[in-house]
Amino acid sequence: FEMQRNKIQLYSRQVFITDEVKDVVPDFLMLLHGVLDSPDIPLNVSRSYLQSDASVKKISAHITKKVADKLVDMFIKDRPEFEKKWDDISMFVKYGIISDEKFSEKAKEFALLKNTDGKYFTFKEYEEKVKINQTDKDKNVVYLYTTDPGKQHSFVEIAKNRAYDVLVLDGVLDSHFINHLEQKLEKTQLKRVDSDTIDKLIANEDKAASILSKE
């Protein structure tokens, strides 16, 4: 997807240098607007300098930390308002989670999962919500998800009739986000709700006996 990259301007001691800040600000933070002014960056700066300089890397790490801290603060102070914004910022947060390990660690405190009922959960909250009912015979917690709530509606309803919960993961980055979650969450599997029968998606110990009646 295309991102507008000229919303942030780089200055050194109040002298404009460039608005090409890709190597200073991570891709997933390109939705930010503003100005960076650093005395540690020379006026005649080159692209290769931005890519290799230690000061630039420190600035990038600091910006990422400050944004993560601000998101944590927003989430704690006013969660309902944060949830209203989540659908708009989720793609950038997920991009950050996938691409930046330190941001990913911070994001555990505020990143949200949305289910088909439009309710939001932190990673920890969601695990607590589903682990009793959606743990299979191998002790794996199974997260069911839909990539298209409209087309997969009947499969979602079958799952919900079993009192299973279904997440909505229909964004452009969600296939990568799903892979990331499976790697990071212990004893957890994510399965698309229409990828198999519901009994096979969450296989329990109790197996229904196959009985052929006289009729």
Protein backbone atom coordinates (compact mmCIF):
# COMPACT_ATOMS: atom_id res chain seq x y z
CA PHE A 1 0.00 0.00 0.00
CA GLU A 2 1.11 3.56 -0.66
CA MET A 3 2.09 5.91 2.14
CA GLN A 4 2.67 9.63 1.95
CA ARG A 5 6.23 10.11 3.16
CA ASN A 6 6.61 13.89 3.25
CA LYS A 7 4.66 14.64 6.44
CA ILE A 8 7.81 14.71 8.59
CA GLN A 9 10.62 17.21 8.04
CA LEU A 10 14.17 16.77 9.30
CA TYR A 11 16.08 19.80 10.62
CA SER A 12 19.50 20.33 12.15
CA ARG A 13 19.67 23.33 14.51
CA GLN A 14 16.54 24.78 12.89
CA VAL A 15 17.96 24.47 9.36
CA PHE A 16 15.83 22.32 7.02
CA ILE A 17 17.63 19.23 5.68
CA THR A 18 15.10 16.91 4.04
CA ASP A 19 11.60 15.49 4.16
CA GLU A 20 12.88 12.07 3.07
CA VAL A 21 13.01 10.56 6.54
CA LYS A 22 12.44 6.88 5.71
CA ASP A 23 15.71 5.89 7.37
CA VAL A 24 15.03 8.02 10.44
CA VAL A 25 11.38 7.13 11.06
CA PRO A 26 10.30 3.49 10.66
CA ASP A 27 7.80 2.73 7.88
CA PHE A 28 5.04 1.85 10.31
CA LEU A 29 5.20 5.35 11.84
CA MET A 30 4.83 7.17 8.52
CA LEU A 31 1.33 8.28 9.56
CA LEU A 32 3.00 10.77 11.93
CA HIS A 33 3.14 14.48 11.14
CA GLY A 34 5.77 16.85 12.48
CA VAL A 35 9.33 18.03 12.65
CA LEU A 36 12.55 16.43 13.87
CA ASP A 37 15.32 18.80 14.87
CA SER A 38 18.61 17.21 15.91
CA PRO A 39 22.04 18.85 16.36
CA ASP A 40 23.63 15.42 15.83
CA ILE A 41 22.82 15.34 12.11
CA PRO A 42 25.07 17.34 9.74
CA LEU A 43 23.59 19.79 7.25
CA ASN A 44 25.05 18.09 4.19
CA VAL A 45 23.48 14.75 4.96
CA SER A 46 23.43 11.88 2.47
CA ARG A 47 21.12 8.89 2.17
CA SER A 48 24.01 6.53 3.02
CA TYR A 49 24.71 8.60 6.15
CA LEU A 50 21.12 8.31 7.32
CA GLN A 51 21.22 4.55 6.81
CA SER A 52 24.45 3.96 8.73
CA ASP A 53 24.85 6.65 11.38
CA ALA A 54 24.53 5.59 15.02
CA SER A 55 22.84 8.86 16.03
CA VAL A 56 20.14 8.34 13.42
CA LYS A 57 19.49 4.82 14.71
CA LYS A 58 19.18 6.17 18.26
CA ILE A 59 16.72 8.82 17.09
CA SER A 60 14.66 6.16 15.29
CA ALA A 61 14.59 3.92 18.38
CA HIS A 62 13.66 6.89 20.58
CA ILE A 63 10.76 7.93 18.33
CA THR A 64 9.45 4.35 18.30
CA LYS A 65 9.64 4.17 22.11
CA LYS A 66 7.90 7.53 22.57
CA VAL A 67 5.06 6.55 20.23
CA ALA A 68 4.61 3.21 22.00
CA ASP A 69 4.61 4.92 25.41
CA LYS A 70 2.01 7.43 24.19
CA LEU A 71 -0.25 4.65 22.89
CA VAL A 72 0.02 2.85 26.24
CA ASP A 73 -0.90 6.10 27.99
CA MET A 74 -3.91 6.70 25.71
CA PHE A 75 -5.11 3.13 26.23
CA ILE A 76 -4.85 3.32 30.04
CA LYS A 77 -6.38 6.79 30.41
CA ASP A 78 -9.37 6.35 28.10
CA ARG A 79 -9.85 2.84 26.74
CA PRO A 80 -13.30 3.46 25.16
CA GLU A 81 -11.88 6.35 23.13
CA PHE A 82 -8.83 4.26 22.19
CA GLU A 83 -11.10 1.46 20.96
CA LYS A 84 -12.90 3.94 18.69
CA LYS A 85 -9.56 4.77 17.06
CA TRP A 86 -8.32 1.20 16.85
CA ASP A 87 -9.74 0.31 13.42
CA ASP A 88 -7.96 3.37 11.96
CA ILE A 89 -4.55 2.77 13.54
CA SER A 90 -4.53 -1.04 13.77
CA MET A 91 -2.75 -1.54 10.43
CA PHE A 92 0.17 0.65 11.54
CA VAL A 93 0.35 -0.99 14.97
CA LYS A 94 0.31 -4.47 13.42
CA TYR A 95 2.99 -3.41 10.94
CA GLY A 96 5.10 -2.26 13.90
CA ILE A 97 4.48 -5.49 15.80
CA ILE A 98 5.61 -7.54 12.80
CA SER A 99 8.68 -5.46 11.96
CA ASP A 100 10.04 -4.15 15.28
CA GLU A 101 10.71 -6.46 18.21
CA LYS A 102 10.93 -3.70 20.85
CA PHE A 103 7.72 -2.08 19.64
CA SER A 104 6.08 -5.52 19.66
CA GLU A 105 6.94 -5.98 23.34
CA LYS A 106 5.39 -2.62 24.21
CA ALA A 107 2.37 -3.26 22.01
CA LYS A 108 1.28 -6.21 24.17
CA GLU A 109 -0.12 -3.60 26.56
CA PHE A 110 -2.39 -1.85 24.05
CA ALA A 111 -2.76 -3.92 20.85
CA LEU A 112 -6.32 -5.18 20.45
CA LEU A 113 -8.08 -8.13 18.88
CA LYS A 114 -11.62 -7.56 17.59
CA ASN A 115 -14.27 -10.27 17.45
CA THR A 116 -17.35 -10.63 15.26
CA ASP A 117 -19.49 -8.99 17.97
CA GLY A 118 -17.41 -5.81 17.66
CA LYS A 119 -15.79 -6.24 21.08
CA TYR A 120 -12.09 -5.54 21.68
CA PHE A 121 -9.61 -7.49 23.80
CA THR A 122 -5.93 -7.24 24.64
CA PHE A 123 -3.90 -10.37 23.87
CA LYS A 124 -4.00 -11.41 27.54
CA GLU A 125 -7.73 -10.71 27.89
CA TYR A 126 -8.54 -12.76 24.82
CA GLU A 127 -6.52 -15.75 26.00
CA GLU A 128 -8.42 -15.67 29.31
CA LYS A 129 -11.74 -15.40 27.47
CA VAL A 130 -11.33 -18.46 25.21
CA LYS A 131 -8.83 -20.81 26.83
CA ILE A 132 -11.39 -22.87 28.79
CA ASN A 133 -13.79 -23.46 25.93
CA GLN A 134 -11.35 -23.47 23.01
CA THR A 135 -8.51 -25.69 24.21
CA ASP A 136 -8.09 -28.85 22.13
CA LYS A 137 -7.04 -32.33 23.20
CA ASP A 138 -3.36 -31.42 22.70
CA LYS A 139 -3.71 -28.52 25.17
CA ASN A 140 -3.44 -25.88 22.43
CA VAL A 141 -5.67 -22.83 22.68
CA VAL A 142 -7.37 -22.37 19.30
CA TYR A 143 -8.24 -18.87 18.09
CA LEU A 144 -10.85 -18.99 15.34
CA TYR A 145 -10.91 -16.11 12.87
CA THR A 146 -12.72 -14.90 9.78
CA THR A 147 -11.12 -13.09 6.86
CA ASP A 148 -14.52 -12.14 5.39
CA PRO A 149 -17.42 -12.00 7.89
CA GLY A 150 -19.98 -11.73 5.07
CA LYS A 151 -18.86 -14.66 2.93
CA GLN A 152 -18.00 -16.84 5.94
CA HIS A 153 -21.13 -15.92 7.91
CA SER A 154 -22.56 -19.45 8.08
CA PHE A 155 -19.25 -20.85 9.40
CA VAL A 156 -19.08 -18.08 11.98
CA GLU A 157 -22.61 -18.88 13.16
CA ILE A 158 -21.81 -22.59 13.48
CA ALA A 159 -18.83 -21.72 15.69
CA LYS A 160 -20.85 -19.28 17.78
CA ASN A 161 -23.58 -21.90 18.26
CA ARG A 162 -20.89 -23.98 19.99
CA ALA A 163 -20.17 -20.94 22.22
CA TYR A 164 -16.86 -20.41 20.41
CA ASP A 165 -15.59 -16.90 19.78
CA VAL A 166 -14.47 -15.73 16.32
CA LEU A 167 -11.99 -12.93 15.61
CA VAL A 168 -12.14 -10.61 12.61
CA LEU A 169 -8.78 -10.56 10.81
CA ASP A 170 -9.59 -9.11 7.41
CA GLY A 171 -6.90 -6.44 6.99
CA VAL A 172 -4.19 -6.21 4.35
CA LEU A 173 -1.46 -7.24 6.82
CA ASP A 174 -3.43 -9.80 8.81
CA SER A 175 -2.01 -12.89 7.08
CA HIS A 176 1.46 -11.79 8.30
CA PHE A 177 0.04 -10.77 11.68
CA ILE A 178 -1.52 -14.23 12.13
CA ASN A 179 1.86 -15.90 11.45
CA HIS A 180 3.50 -13.56 13.96
CA LEU A 181 0.95 -14.36 16.67
CA GLU A 182 1.38 -18.10 16.18
CA GLN A 183 5.14 -17.73 16.63
CA LYS A 184 4.87 -15.50 19.70
CA LEU A 185 1.91 -16.96 21.61
CA GLU A 186 2.75 -20.20 23.39
CA LYS A 187 0.52 -23.25 22.83
CA THR A 188 -1.79 -21.20 20.61
CA GLN A 189 -3.05 -21.89 17.10
CA LEU A 190 -5.03 -19.60 14.79
CA LYS A 191 -7.45 -21.31 12.43
CA ARG A 192 -9.71 -19.80 9.80
CA VAL A 193 -13.28 -20.61 10.68
CA ASP A 194 -14.12 -22.08 7.25
CA SER A 195 -10.91 -24.12 6.82
CA ASP A 196 -12.45 -27.35 8.20
CA THR A 197 -15.43 -28.70 10.10
CA ILE A 198 -15.83 -27.20 13.54
CA ASP A 199 -15.10 -30.56 15.24
CA LYS A 200 -11.75 -30.76 13.49
CA LEU A 201 -10.85 -27.12 14.07
CA ILE A 202 -11.09 -27.65 17.84
CA ALA A 203 -10.66 -31.38 18.40
CA ASN A 204 -11.72 -32.36 21.93
CA GLU A 205 -11.22 -35.58 23.86
CA ASP A 206 -14.87 -36.53 23.55
CA LYS A 207 -15.41 -38.20 20.21
CA ALA A 208 -18.96 -39.00 19.19
CA ALA A 209 -19.40 -42.71 18.55
CA SER A 210 -20.58 -43.63 15.06
CA ILE A 211 -23.81 -45.61 15.62
CA LEU A 212 -25.84 -47.24 12.87
CA SER A 213 -29.40 -47.76 13.99
CA LYS A 214 -31.71 -50.51 12.67
CA GLU A 215 -33.79 -47.88 10.88
